[in-house]
N, C-alpha and C. Protein backbone atom coordinates (compact mmCIF):
# COMPACT_ATOMS: atom_id res chain seq x y z
N MET A 1 18.56 25.97 -30.77
CA MET A 1 18.03 24.54 -30.74
C MET A 1 18.66 23.55 -31.52
N VAL A 2 18.95 22.41 -31.15
CA VAL A 2 19.54 21.55 -31.90
C VAL A 2 18.81 20.26 -31.96
N LYS A 3 18.62 19.59 -33.21
CA LYS A 3 17.96 18.51 -33.29
C LYS A 3 18.57 17.21 -33.60
N ASP A 4 18.59 16.17 -32.94
CA ASP A 4 19.31 15.02 -32.80
C ASP A 4 18.79 14.29 -34.17
N GLY A 5 19.95 14.02 -35.10
CA GLY A 5 19.48 13.43 -36.25
C GLY A 5 19.07 11.89 -36.14
N ARG A 6 19.40 11.42 -35.19
CA ARG A 6 19.09 9.89 -34.81
C ARG A 6 17.51 9.78 -34.21
N THR A 7 17.23 10.64 -33.65
CA THR A 7 16.09 10.56 -32.83
C THR A 7 14.87 11.33 -33.34
N GLY A 8 15.41 12.53 -34.12
CA GLY A 8 14.65 13.48 -34.40
C GLY A 8 13.98 14.66 -33.28
N VAL A 9 14.61 14.18 -32.01
CA VAL A 9 14.20 15.14 -30.98
C VAL A 9 15.13 16.44 -30.84
N THR A 10 14.38 17.43 -30.65
CA THR A 10 15.03 18.72 -30.71
C THR A 10 15.42 18.98 -29.51
N THR A 11 16.41 19.56 -29.17
CA THR A 11 16.74 20.11 -27.65
C THR A 11 16.40 21.27 -27.36
N PRO A 12 15.64 21.39 -26.30
CA PRO A 12 15.12 22.84 -26.09
C PRO A 12 16.01 23.90 -25.64
N VAL A 13 15.98 25.15 -25.79
CA VAL A 13 16.67 26.17 -24.92
C VAL A 13 15.95 26.31 -23.73
N LEU A 14 17.05 26.30 -22.58
CA LEU A 14 16.51 26.32 -21.14
C LEU A 14 16.97 27.55 -20.45
N LEU A 15 16.06 28.40 -20.05
CA LEU A 15 16.18 29.56 -19.48
C LEU A 15 15.53 29.35 -18.07
N PRO A 16 16.30 30.04 -16.95
CA PRO A 16 16.02 29.88 -15.42
C PRO A 16 14.98 30.97 -15.24
N MET A 17 14.03 30.58 -14.67
CA MET A 17 12.93 31.50 -14.16
C MET A 17 12.92 31.55 -12.78
N GLY A 18 13.69 32.39 -12.13
CA GLY A 18 13.98 32.58 -10.68
C GLY A 18 14.69 31.43 -10.25
N GLU A 19 14.39 31.14 -8.97
CA GLU A 19 15.26 29.85 -8.32
C GLU A 19 14.16 28.58 -8.46
N ARG A 20 13.05 28.59 -8.75
CA ARG A 20 12.11 27.54 -8.74
C ARG A 20 11.54 27.08 -9.87
N ALA A 21 11.98 27.68 -11.09
CA ALA A 21 11.50 27.03 -12.21
C ALA A 21 12.45 27.38 -13.54
N VAL A 22 12.21 26.58 -14.48
CA VAL A 22 13.07 26.24 -15.69
C VAL A 22 12.05 26.58 -16.88
N LEU A 23 12.48 27.47 -17.86
CA LEU A 23 11.62 27.65 -18.81
C LEU A 23 12.06 26.93 -20.34
N ALA A 24 11.48 25.82 -20.66
CA ALA A 24 11.95 25.41 -21.79
C ALA A 24 11.36 25.65 -23.16
N GLU A 25 12.06 26.14 -24.17
CA GLU A 25 11.69 27.11 -25.42
C GLU A 25 11.87 26.09 -26.47
N LEU A 26 10.95 25.96 -27.38
CA LEU A 26 10.99 24.87 -28.41
C LEU A 26 10.13 26.06 -29.77
N PRO A 27 10.66 25.13 -30.76
CA PRO A 27 10.06 26.03 -32.31
C PRO A 27 8.52 25.77 -32.54
N SER A 28 8.06 24.81 -32.06
CA SER A 28 6.61 24.70 -32.69
C SER A 28 5.92 24.05 -31.59
N LEU A 29 4.40 24.20 -31.82
CA LEU A 29 3.58 23.41 -30.77
C LEU A 29 3.83 22.07 -30.69
N SER A 30 3.83 21.32 -31.99
CA SER A 30 4.10 19.77 -31.77
C SER A 30 5.19 19.44 -31.13
N GLU A 31 6.32 20.17 -30.88
CA GLU A 31 7.38 19.69 -30.25
C GLU A 31 7.22 19.93 -28.79
N VAL A 32 6.29 21.16 -28.60
CA VAL A 32 5.66 21.39 -27.14
C VAL A 32 5.26 20.12 -26.69
N LEU A 33 4.32 19.78 -27.28
CA LEU A 33 3.50 18.47 -26.89
C LEU A 33 4.25 17.16 -26.93
N ALA A 34 5.30 17.02 -27.59
CA ALA A 34 6.04 15.83 -27.49
C ALA A 34 6.97 16.18 -26.14
N LEU A 35 7.57 16.97 -26.09
CA LEU A 35 8.37 17.34 -24.82
C LEU A 35 7.52 17.03 -23.49
N HIS A 36 6.27 17.93 -23.54
CA HIS A 36 5.47 17.77 -22.41
C HIS A 36 5.09 16.25 -22.09
N ALA A 37 4.58 15.47 -23.16
CA ALA A 37 4.52 13.93 -22.88
C ALA A 37 5.53 13.44 -22.30
N ARG A 38 6.77 13.27 -22.81
CA ARG A 38 8.21 12.89 -22.37
C ARG A 38 8.44 13.18 -20.74
N LEU A 39 8.21 14.47 -20.44
CA LEU A 39 8.13 14.90 -19.07
C LEU A 39 7.30 14.25 -18.33
N MET A 40 6.20 14.40 -18.71
CA MET A 40 5.00 13.69 -17.87
C MET A 40 5.29 12.31 -17.62
N SER A 41 5.68 11.45 -18.42
CA SER A 41 5.95 10.17 -18.27
C SER A 41 7.18 9.84 -17.55
N SER A 42 8.12 10.86 -17.30
CA SER A 42 9.09 10.44 -16.32
C SER A 42 9.55 11.43 -15.36
N ARG A 43 8.58 12.10 -14.95
CA ARG A 43 8.52 13.26 -14.08
C ARG A 43 9.33 12.72 -12.63
N PRO A 44 10.53 13.21 -12.27
CA PRO A 44 11.07 12.79 -10.81
C PRO A 44 10.40 13.62 -9.66
N GLY A 45 10.68 13.05 -8.34
CA GLY A 45 10.27 13.61 -7.27
C GLY A 45 10.79 14.99 -7.19
N GLY A 46 10.29 15.98 -6.71
CA GLY A 46 10.61 17.54 -6.52
C GLY A 46 10.13 18.36 -7.75
N VAL A 47 9.85 17.70 -8.89
CA VAL A 47 9.12 18.60 -9.91
C VAL A 47 7.51 18.92 -9.51
N VAL A 48 7.36 20.35 -9.27
CA VAL A 48 6.18 20.60 -8.88
C VAL A 48 5.01 20.52 -9.93
N ASP A 49 5.17 21.19 -11.02
CA ASP A 49 4.15 21.32 -12.00
C ASP A 49 4.86 21.65 -13.41
N LEU A 50 4.21 21.18 -14.49
CA LEU A 50 4.42 21.18 -15.92
C LEU A 50 3.54 22.06 -16.46
N VAL A 51 3.76 23.25 -17.14
CA VAL A 51 2.78 24.08 -17.81
C VAL A 51 3.17 24.29 -19.04
N PRO A 52 2.72 23.64 -20.05
CA PRO A 52 2.68 24.00 -21.53
C PRO A 52 2.13 25.20 -21.92
N ALA A 53 2.64 25.83 -23.18
CA ALA A 53 2.16 26.81 -23.94
C ALA A 53 2.42 26.55 -25.35
N ALA A 54 2.19 27.75 -26.11
CA ALA A 54 2.42 27.55 -27.68
C ALA A 54 3.84 27.23 -27.95
N ARG A 55 4.70 27.65 -27.43
CA ARG A 55 6.19 27.47 -27.87
C ARG A 55 7.06 27.14 -26.56
N THR A 56 6.65 26.78 -25.49
CA THR A 56 7.33 26.48 -24.17
C THR A 56 6.61 25.52 -23.17
N VAL A 57 7.54 25.02 -22.25
CA VAL A 57 6.93 24.27 -21.19
C VAL A 57 7.63 24.86 -20.14
N LEU A 58 6.87 25.24 -19.01
CA LEU A 58 7.66 25.96 -17.72
C LEU A 58 7.65 24.46 -16.78
N VAL A 59 8.74 24.50 -16.48
CA VAL A 59 9.04 23.31 -15.25
C VAL A 59 9.15 24.09 -13.78
N SER A 60 8.31 23.96 -13.09
CA SER A 60 8.53 24.52 -11.59
C SER A 60 9.03 23.36 -10.85
N PHE A 61 9.81 23.61 -9.78
CA PHE A 61 10.31 22.55 -8.87
C PHE A 61 10.71 22.94 -7.53
N ASP A 62 10.85 22.32 -6.57
CA ASP A 62 11.04 22.60 -5.09
C ASP A 62 12.72 22.54 -4.91
N PRO A 63 13.37 23.29 -4.75
CA PRO A 63 14.99 23.30 -4.69
C PRO A 63 15.45 22.21 -3.40
N ALA A 64 14.40 22.29 -2.29
CA ALA A 64 14.58 21.45 -1.53
C ALA A 64 14.67 19.83 -1.83
N GLN A 65 14.21 19.47 -2.83
CA GLN A 65 14.02 18.06 -3.47
C GLN A 65 14.96 18.00 -4.65
N ILE A 66 14.97 18.77 -5.28
CA ILE A 66 15.67 18.38 -6.46
C ILE A 66 16.45 20.02 -7.17
N SER A 67 17.43 19.79 -7.38
CA SER A 67 18.43 21.05 -7.77
C SER A 67 17.81 21.37 -9.38
N ALA A 68 18.47 22.74 -9.74
CA ALA A 68 18.01 23.17 -10.78
C ALA A 68 18.84 22.63 -11.96
N THR A 69 20.07 22.17 -11.62
CA THR A 69 21.15 21.41 -12.62
C THR A 69 20.40 20.01 -12.89
N ALA A 70 19.89 19.28 -11.89
CA ALA A 70 19.20 18.05 -11.97
C ALA A 70 17.99 18.40 -13.13
N VAL A 71 17.24 19.22 -12.85
CA VAL A 71 16.03 19.57 -13.61
C VAL A 71 16.33 19.90 -15.11
N ARG A 72 17.42 20.56 -15.16
CA ARG A 72 17.64 20.76 -16.64
C ARG A 72 18.29 19.70 -17.41
N ALA A 73 19.05 18.68 -16.80
CA ALA A 73 19.74 17.51 -17.16
C ALA A 73 18.38 16.62 -17.45
N TRP A 74 17.47 16.65 -16.69
CA TRP A 74 16.04 15.75 -17.06
C TRP A 74 15.42 16.17 -18.14
N ILE A 75 15.31 17.52 -18.32
CA ILE A 75 14.37 18.11 -19.25
C ILE A 75 15.11 17.64 -20.78
N GLY A 76 16.63 17.77 -20.79
CA GLY A 76 17.33 17.55 -21.91
C GLY A 76 17.42 16.29 -22.29
N SER A 77 17.20 15.18 -21.39
CA SER A 77 17.47 13.93 -21.90
C SER A 77 16.08 12.88 -21.17
N ALA A 78 14.93 13.86 -21.13
CA ALA A 78 13.83 12.98 -20.97
C ALA A 78 13.43 11.78 -21.84
N PRO A 79 13.18 10.58 -21.77
CA PRO A 79 12.90 9.47 -22.46
C PRO A 79 11.80 9.70 -23.34
N GLU A 80 11.64 9.05 -24.46
CA GLU A 80 10.36 8.98 -25.19
C GLU A 80 9.11 8.34 -24.35
N SER A 81 7.92 9.07 -24.36
CA SER A 81 6.91 8.73 -23.60
C SER A 81 6.58 7.16 -23.98
N ARG A 82 6.27 6.58 -22.89
CA ARG A 82 5.92 5.02 -23.39
C ARG A 82 4.40 5.18 -24.03
N VAL A 83 4.25 3.82 -24.54
CA VAL A 83 2.92 3.60 -25.35
C VAL A 83 1.96 3.06 -24.57
N MET A 84 0.81 3.66 -24.33
CA MET A 84 -0.25 3.20 -23.36
C MET A 84 -0.67 1.81 -23.71
N THR A 85 -1.11 0.94 -22.65
CA THR A 85 -1.31 -0.48 -23.41
C THR A 85 -2.79 -0.43 -23.45
N ALA A 86 -3.41 -1.63 -23.82
CA ALA A 86 -4.91 -1.67 -23.95
C ALA A 86 -5.66 -2.00 -22.66
N GLU A 87 -4.80 -2.13 -21.58
CA GLU A 87 -5.43 -2.40 -20.24
C GLU A 87 -5.67 -0.98 -19.62
N GLU A 88 -4.86 -0.01 -20.17
CA GLU A 88 -5.02 1.34 -19.46
C GLU A 88 -5.84 2.22 -20.21
N PRO A 89 -6.86 2.89 -19.16
CA PRO A 89 -7.92 3.53 -19.73
C PRO A 89 -7.33 5.11 -20.20
N ALA A 90 -7.81 5.37 -21.57
CA ALA A 90 -7.44 6.71 -21.83
C ALA A 90 -8.03 7.68 -21.16
N ARG A 91 -7.36 8.98 -21.11
CA ARG A 91 -8.11 10.33 -20.48
C ARG A 91 -8.81 11.00 -21.44
N VAL A 92 -10.24 10.84 -21.82
CA VAL A 92 -11.10 11.07 -22.64
C VAL A 92 -12.00 11.88 -22.08
N VAL A 93 -12.39 12.89 -22.29
CA VAL A 93 -13.44 13.80 -21.96
C VAL A 93 -14.28 13.98 -23.04
N THR A 94 -15.73 13.63 -23.00
CA THR A 94 -16.59 13.82 -23.92
C THR A 94 -17.53 15.09 -23.63
N ILE A 95 -17.38 16.17 -24.70
CA ILE A 95 -18.30 17.53 -24.16
C ILE A 95 -19.50 17.32 -25.14
N ASP A 96 -20.67 17.63 -24.75
CA ASP A 96 -21.85 17.48 -25.59
C ASP A 96 -21.93 18.97 -26.32
N VAL A 97 -22.12 19.15 -27.48
CA VAL A 97 -22.35 20.50 -28.35
C VAL A 97 -23.49 20.78 -28.97
N ARG A 98 -24.25 21.74 -28.78
CA ARG A 98 -25.24 22.19 -29.78
C ARG A 98 -24.40 22.90 -30.94
N TYR A 99 -24.46 22.74 -32.09
CA TYR A 99 -24.05 23.33 -33.10
C TYR A 99 -24.85 24.66 -33.73
N ASP A 100 -25.21 25.52 -32.75
CA ASP A 100 -25.81 26.82 -33.01
C ASP A 100 -25.12 27.88 -33.00
N GLY A 101 -23.78 27.80 -33.07
CA GLY A 101 -23.10 29.17 -32.92
C GLY A 101 -23.47 30.23 -34.27
N ALA A 102 -23.28 31.53 -33.67
CA ALA A 102 -23.56 32.58 -34.38
C ALA A 102 -22.63 32.81 -35.78
N ASP A 103 -21.46 31.98 -35.85
CA ASP A 103 -20.62 32.31 -36.87
C ASP A 103 -20.41 30.97 -37.43
N LEU A 104 -21.55 29.98 -37.39
CA LEU A 104 -21.28 28.63 -37.99
C LEU A 104 -21.48 28.75 -39.46
N ALA A 105 -22.45 29.44 -40.15
CA ALA A 105 -22.68 29.44 -41.25
C ALA A 105 -21.74 30.23 -42.10
N ASP A 106 -21.30 31.30 -41.60
CA ASP A 106 -20.04 32.35 -42.14
C ASP A 106 -18.87 31.52 -42.05
N THR A 107 -18.38 30.95 -40.99
CA THR A 107 -16.99 30.04 -41.21
C THR A 107 -17.04 28.93 -42.18
N ALA A 108 -18.16 28.52 -42.37
CA ALA A 108 -18.22 27.11 -43.19
C ALA A 108 -18.12 27.70 -44.61
N LEU A 109 -18.73 29.03 -45.02
CA LEU A 109 -18.65 29.62 -46.19
C LEU A 109 -17.05 30.00 -46.26
N LEU A 110 -16.26 30.63 -45.37
CA LEU A 110 -15.18 31.09 -45.27
C LEU A 110 -14.03 30.02 -45.80
N LEU A 111 -14.54 28.72 -45.27
CA LEU A 111 -13.72 27.60 -45.57
C LEU A 111 -13.76 26.75 -46.80
N GLY A 112 -14.88 27.24 -47.60
CA GLY A 112 -15.30 26.61 -48.68
C GLY A 112 -16.11 25.31 -48.54
N ILE A 113 -16.62 25.07 -47.30
CA ILE A 113 -17.55 23.80 -47.10
C ILE A 113 -18.92 24.26 -46.70
N THR A 114 -19.66 23.17 -46.42
CA THR A 114 -20.94 23.49 -45.96
C THR A 114 -21.09 23.56 -44.40
N PRO A 115 -22.08 23.94 -43.79
CA PRO A 115 -22.09 23.98 -42.28
C PRO A 115 -22.04 22.39 -41.94
N PRO A 116 -23.00 21.61 -42.43
CA PRO A 116 -23.00 20.30 -41.87
C PRO A 116 -21.46 19.70 -42.08
N ALA A 117 -20.77 19.87 -43.05
CA ALA A 117 -19.55 19.25 -43.15
C ALA A 117 -18.56 20.02 -42.20
N LEU A 118 -18.58 21.14 -41.72
CA LEU A 118 -17.98 21.82 -40.77
C LEU A 118 -18.26 20.95 -39.39
N ILE A 119 -19.64 20.86 -39.21
CA ILE A 119 -19.95 20.17 -37.92
C ILE A 119 -19.31 18.80 -37.75
N ASP A 120 -19.35 18.06 -38.89
CA ASP A 120 -18.80 16.71 -39.00
C ASP A 120 -17.55 16.66 -38.79
N ALA A 121 -16.74 17.55 -39.31
CA ALA A 121 -15.21 17.80 -39.39
C ALA A 121 -14.74 18.06 -37.83
N HIS A 122 -15.50 19.06 -37.10
CA HIS A 122 -15.44 19.31 -35.77
C HIS A 122 -15.51 17.98 -34.79
N ARG A 123 -16.96 17.37 -34.93
CA ARG A 123 -17.00 16.33 -34.21
C ARG A 123 -16.65 15.07 -33.97
N THR A 124 -15.71 14.81 -35.31
CA THR A 124 -15.07 13.55 -35.67
C THR A 124 -13.70 13.54 -35.33
N ALA A 125 -13.10 14.68 -35.14
CA ALA A 125 -11.80 14.80 -34.95
C ALA A 125 -11.34 14.29 -33.54
N ARG A 126 -10.22 13.82 -33.25
CA ARG A 126 -9.80 13.54 -32.19
C ARG A 126 -8.94 14.56 -31.57
N TRP A 127 -9.36 15.22 -30.43
CA TRP A 127 -8.93 16.75 -30.10
C TRP A 127 -7.92 16.12 -28.71
N THR A 128 -6.81 17.20 -28.82
CA THR A 128 -5.95 17.02 -27.58
C THR A 128 -5.68 18.28 -26.93
N VAL A 129 -5.77 18.42 -25.43
CA VAL A 129 -5.81 19.64 -24.96
C VAL A 129 -4.00 20.08 -24.95
N ALA A 130 -3.74 21.12 -25.85
CA ALA A 130 -2.42 21.51 -26.06
C ALA A 130 -1.98 22.08 -24.55
N PHE A 131 -2.73 22.97 -24.42
CA PHE A 131 -2.23 24.03 -23.02
C PHE A 131 -3.72 24.86 -22.85
N THR A 132 -3.44 25.52 -21.54
CA THR A 132 -4.67 26.14 -21.06
C THR A 132 -4.12 27.56 -20.89
N GLY A 133 -5.06 28.36 -20.64
CA GLY A 133 -4.91 29.88 -20.47
C GLY A 133 -5.97 30.93 -20.74
N PHE A 134 -5.84 32.19 -20.84
CA PHE A 134 -6.74 33.03 -21.58
C PHE A 134 -7.69 33.26 -20.12
N ALA A 135 -8.21 32.29 -19.76
CA ALA A 135 -9.23 32.20 -18.70
C ALA A 135 -9.06 30.78 -17.96
N PRO A 136 -9.69 30.88 -16.49
CA PRO A 136 -9.50 29.61 -16.01
C PRO A 136 -10.36 28.64 -16.66
N GLY A 137 -9.99 27.41 -16.83
CA GLY A 137 -10.82 26.45 -17.66
C GLY A 137 -10.66 26.44 -18.77
N PHE A 138 -10.18 27.43 -19.40
CA PHE A 138 -9.93 27.54 -20.99
C PHE A 138 -8.77 26.56 -21.55
N GLY A 139 -9.39 25.39 -22.20
CA GLY A 139 -8.37 24.80 -22.99
C GLY A 139 -8.35 25.24 -24.45
N TYR A 140 -6.86 25.04 -24.95
CA TYR A 140 -6.65 25.11 -26.44
C TYR A 140 -6.27 23.70 -26.98
N LEU A 141 -7.23 23.52 -27.63
CA LEU A 141 -7.46 21.96 -28.23
C LEU A 141 -6.90 22.02 -29.94
N VAL A 142 -6.07 20.96 -29.93
CA VAL A 142 -5.55 20.68 -31.21
C VAL A 142 -5.64 19.36 -31.88
N SER A 143 -5.79 19.02 -33.19
CA SER A 143 -5.99 17.74 -33.70
C SER A 143 -5.27 17.62 -35.00
N ALA A 144 -4.95 16.48 -35.10
CA ALA A 144 -3.97 16.02 -36.47
C ALA A 144 -5.15 15.91 -37.65
N ASP A 145 -6.31 15.27 -37.19
CA ASP A 145 -7.46 15.24 -38.00
C ASP A 145 -8.27 16.80 -38.42
N TRP A 146 -7.97 17.65 -37.77
CA TRP A 146 -8.11 18.98 -38.39
C TRP A 146 -7.33 19.96 -39.24
N THR A 147 -7.78 20.23 -40.51
CA THR A 147 -6.87 20.89 -41.51
C THR A 147 -7.15 22.04 -41.63
N PHE A 148 -8.29 22.89 -40.88
CA PHE A 148 -8.51 24.23 -41.12
C PHE A 148 -7.58 25.13 -40.35
N ASP A 149 -7.40 26.42 -41.33
CA ASP A 149 -6.63 27.23 -40.41
C ASP A 149 -7.60 28.57 -40.61
N VAL A 150 -8.52 28.74 -39.16
CA VAL A 150 -9.51 29.54 -39.24
C VAL A 150 -9.09 30.89 -38.68
N PRO A 151 -9.21 32.02 -39.61
CA PRO A 151 -8.99 33.51 -39.03
C PRO A 151 -9.83 33.78 -37.70
N ARG A 152 -9.54 34.73 -36.90
CA ARG A 152 -10.16 35.05 -36.07
C ARG A 152 -11.14 36.41 -36.64
N LEU A 153 -11.99 36.59 -35.48
CA LEU A 153 -13.07 37.92 -36.14
C LEU A 153 -12.30 39.14 -36.57
N PRO A 154 -12.52 39.96 -37.47
CA PRO A 154 -11.97 41.03 -37.50
C PRO A 154 -11.99 41.95 -36.54
N THR A 155 -13.14 41.89 -35.73
CA THR A 155 -13.31 42.57 -34.49
C THR A 155 -13.88 41.90 -33.31
N PRO A 156 -13.17 41.60 -32.43
CA PRO A 156 -13.61 40.93 -31.31
C PRO A 156 -15.00 41.14 -30.73
N ARG A 157 -15.71 40.23 -30.25
CA ARG A 157 -16.72 40.67 -29.41
C ARG A 157 -16.60 41.23 -28.14
N THR A 158 -17.40 41.93 -27.78
CA THR A 158 -17.33 42.34 -26.49
C THR A 158 -17.77 41.64 -25.39
N HIS A 159 -18.74 40.65 -25.95
CA HIS A 159 -19.32 39.42 -24.81
C HIS A 159 -19.52 38.18 -25.63
N VAL A 160 -18.78 37.39 -25.17
CA VAL A 160 -18.90 35.76 -25.61
C VAL A 160 -19.53 35.12 -24.26
N PRO A 161 -20.82 34.34 -24.57
CA PRO A 161 -21.43 34.02 -23.30
C PRO A 161 -20.76 32.74 -22.89
N PRO A 162 -20.86 32.18 -21.52
CA PRO A 162 -20.27 30.96 -21.10
C PRO A 162 -20.63 29.72 -21.95
N GLY A 163 -19.66 29.01 -22.25
CA GLY A 163 -20.37 27.54 -22.88
C GLY A 163 -20.11 27.74 -24.24
N ALA A 164 -19.69 29.07 -24.83
CA ALA A 164 -19.63 29.13 -26.28
C ALA A 164 -18.57 28.38 -26.80
N VAL A 165 -18.50 27.81 -27.94
CA VAL A 165 -17.48 26.79 -28.66
C VAL A 165 -17.06 27.31 -29.91
N GLY A 166 -15.72 27.86 -29.76
CA GLY A 166 -15.28 28.61 -30.95
C GLY A 166 -14.13 27.88 -31.86
N LEU A 167 -13.62 28.76 -32.78
CA LEU A 167 -12.56 28.05 -33.77
C LEU A 167 -11.66 29.31 -33.86
N ALA A 168 -10.34 29.20 -33.55
CA ALA A 168 -9.38 30.28 -34.28
C ALA A 168 -7.84 29.63 -34.56
N GLY A 169 -7.46 29.90 -35.65
CA GLY A 169 -6.31 29.45 -36.11
C GLY A 169 -6.48 27.65 -36.24
N GLY A 170 -5.55 27.05 -35.87
CA GLY A 170 -5.75 25.61 -35.67
C GLY A 170 -6.40 25.18 -34.55
N PHE A 171 -7.06 25.85 -33.65
CA PHE A 171 -7.56 25.63 -32.37
C PHE A 171 -8.62 25.46 -32.15
N THR A 172 -9.51 24.68 -31.33
CA THR A 172 -11.01 24.99 -30.85
C THR A 172 -10.81 24.76 -29.28
N GLY A 173 -12.22 25.73 -28.69
CA GLY A 173 -12.17 25.45 -27.53
C GLY A 173 -13.42 26.24 -27.07
N ALA A 174 -13.67 26.12 -25.68
CA ALA A 174 -15.04 26.67 -25.24
C ALA A 174 -14.85 27.27 -24.16
N TYR A 175 -15.41 28.86 -24.10
CA TYR A 175 -15.40 29.50 -23.02
C TYR A 175 -16.03 29.33 -21.88
N PRO A 176 -15.25 29.25 -20.63
CA PRO A 176 -15.77 28.92 -19.47
C PRO A 176 -16.76 29.89 -18.78
N ARG A 177 -16.52 31.15 -19.30
CA ARG A 177 -17.29 32.13 -18.59
C ARG A 177 -17.28 33.12 -19.48
N ALA A 178 -18.29 34.34 -19.40
CA ALA A 178 -18.59 35.18 -20.08
C ALA A 178 -17.32 36.16 -20.17
N THR A 179 -16.94 36.66 -21.66
CA THR A 179 -15.79 37.42 -21.62
C THR A 179 -15.56 37.85 -23.11
N PRO A 180 -15.03 38.93 -23.33
CA PRO A 180 -14.65 39.51 -24.66
C PRO A 180 -13.86 38.28 -25.50
N GLY A 181 -14.22 38.46 -26.76
CA GLY A 181 -13.12 37.11 -27.62
C GLY A 181 -13.53 37.26 -29.04
N GLY A 182 -12.43 36.91 -29.56
CA GLY A 182 -12.60 37.16 -31.09
C GLY A 182 -12.50 35.59 -32.00
N TRP A 183 -12.77 34.72 -31.24
CA TRP A 183 -12.91 33.24 -32.01
C TRP A 183 -14.30 33.39 -32.69
N ARG A 184 -14.24 32.48 -33.59
CA ARG A 184 -15.53 32.32 -34.62
C ARG A 184 -16.69 31.10 -33.65
N LEU A 185 -17.52 31.57 -33.53
CA LEU A 185 -18.40 30.75 -32.62
C LEU A 185 -19.26 29.57 -33.67
N ILE A 186 -18.99 28.43 -33.22
CA ILE A 186 -19.85 27.54 -34.07
C ILE A 186 -20.73 26.61 -32.98
N GLY A 187 -20.83 26.69 -31.90
CA GLY A 187 -21.75 26.04 -31.14
C GLY A 187 -21.53 26.28 -29.48
N SER A 188 -22.60 25.60 -28.78
CA SER A 188 -22.29 25.81 -27.43
C SER A 188 -22.58 24.66 -26.50
N THR A 189 -21.96 24.85 -25.41
CA THR A 189 -22.11 23.66 -24.36
C THR A 189 -22.53 23.93 -23.13
N THR A 190 -23.28 23.04 -22.33
CA THR A 190 -23.54 23.40 -20.86
C THR A 190 -22.40 22.79 -19.85
N ALA A 191 -21.27 22.34 -20.25
CA ALA A 191 -20.52 21.52 -19.71
C ALA A 191 -19.76 22.44 -18.61
N ARG A 192 -19.51 22.06 -17.36
CA ARG A 192 -18.94 22.86 -16.34
C ARG A 192 -17.33 22.80 -16.48
N LEU A 193 -16.82 23.83 -17.14
CA LEU A 193 -15.36 23.90 -17.60
C LEU A 193 -14.62 24.42 -16.46
N PHE A 194 -15.14 25.14 -15.62
CA PHE A 194 -14.30 25.61 -14.36
C PHE A 194 -15.29 25.66 -13.05
N ASP A 195 -14.98 25.29 -12.12
CA ASP A 195 -15.73 25.14 -10.88
C ASP A 195 -14.87 25.45 -9.53
N PRO A 196 -14.38 26.56 -9.29
CA PRO A 196 -13.76 26.96 -8.28
C PRO A 196 -13.97 26.20 -6.95
N ASP A 197 -15.16 25.59 -6.69
CA ASP A 197 -15.24 24.89 -5.50
C ASP A 197 -14.88 23.44 -5.47
N ALA A 198 -14.84 22.96 -6.86
CA ALA A 198 -14.40 21.62 -6.88
C ALA A 198 -13.47 21.18 -6.46
N SER A 199 -12.90 19.57 -6.31
CA SER A 199 -11.74 19.19 -5.79
C SER A 199 -10.88 19.44 -7.13
N SER A 200 -11.26 19.20 -8.29
CA SER A 200 -10.30 19.58 -9.53
C SER A 200 -11.23 20.72 -10.17
N PRO A 201 -10.66 21.66 -9.88
CA PRO A 201 -11.41 23.09 -10.68
C PRO A 201 -11.56 23.13 -12.06
N THR A 202 -10.88 22.47 -12.91
CA THR A 202 -10.98 22.65 -14.40
C THR A 202 -11.24 21.17 -14.86
N LEU A 203 -12.14 21.30 -15.80
CA LEU A 203 -12.46 19.95 -16.37
C LEU A 203 -11.28 19.58 -17.55
N LEU A 204 -10.59 20.36 -18.15
CA LEU A 204 -9.44 20.10 -19.09
C LEU A 204 -8.34 20.25 -18.58
N ALA A 205 -7.29 19.43 -18.93
CA ALA A 205 -5.85 19.69 -18.68
C ALA A 205 -5.00 19.16 -19.58
N PRO A 206 -3.79 19.82 -19.54
CA PRO A 206 -2.99 19.58 -20.92
C PRO A 206 -2.59 17.77 -20.91
N GLY A 207 -3.00 17.55 -22.34
CA GLY A 207 -2.66 16.23 -22.41
C GLY A 207 -3.78 15.32 -22.57
N MET A 208 -4.80 15.75 -21.90
CA MET A 208 -6.25 15.02 -22.31
C MET A 208 -6.66 14.88 -23.49
N SER A 209 -7.34 13.94 -23.77
CA SER A 209 -8.15 13.89 -25.12
C SER A 209 -9.63 14.16 -24.98
N VAL A 210 -10.17 14.68 -25.98
CA VAL A 210 -11.35 15.44 -25.81
C VAL A 210 -12.11 15.01 -27.12
N ARG A 211 -13.46 14.69 -26.86
CA ARG A 211 -14.29 14.18 -28.05
C ARG A 211 -15.55 15.30 -27.87
N PHE A 212 -16.27 15.65 -29.14
CA PHE A 212 -17.30 16.12 -29.16
C PHE A 212 -18.53 15.59 -29.44
N ARG A 213 -19.55 15.66 -28.89
CA ARG A 213 -20.73 15.19 -29.06
C ARG A 213 -21.95 15.59 -29.32
N ARG A 214 -22.49 15.59 -30.70
CA ARG A 214 -23.43 16.48 -31.30
C ARG A 214 -24.64 16.20 -30.42
N VAL A 215 -25.41 17.21 -29.81
CA VAL A 215 -26.57 16.98 -29.13
C VAL A 215 -27.68 18.22 -29.81
N ASP A 216 -29.12 18.05 -30.14
CA ASP A 216 -29.57 18.85 -30.61
C ASP A 216 -30.91 19.51 -29.36
N GLU A 217 -30.72 18.95 -28.29
CA GLU A 217 -31.73 19.57 -27.27
C GLU A 217 -31.13 20.79 -26.78
N PRO A 218 -32.35 21.74 -26.40
CA PRO A 218 -31.73 22.74 -25.75
C PRO A 218 -31.01 22.70 -24.48
């Protein structure tokens, strides 16, 4: 990988993934987010999907509409994403959370703060969906406002209830369905994160902004 000294943009390593996709590898999640934003804002015809992950962006395309060579050239030269104007609505999803998680007190103690301080830090941070995975509808959310690195549980739970809101590393996320999991649980939500029968099955998609709103009602 090579970083352009003038722009500070890292040129990703591009790997073929069959005849219909190219995988762009980058050294950090922040550079993945930057590349994903650039690609989203300049997406040409024939590009079917953009799938970011922790260190990669998978670009799938239709060879009948655009060639692999053109896709690789576009990834390597995608312009900076334009700044949103005041007239354009931001894609913000608000998720109501009851901060009643089983690990709330222990996690606060581990981080050296009080539970109310942990709640305030979580709900006031401006979160972005970096990528999705693990289970349908599960979004890995990151924030420049979030300064904590939260270790996972030493032993994962065999059952995490749907709607549980957790922390792991620099991420937060909500479990869309019951599943095993090792994230530290600080709250719960009734938001419908995944609905297979809906026209848009997932509530969260990469690039969306998310705010957590504290509610106290059951």
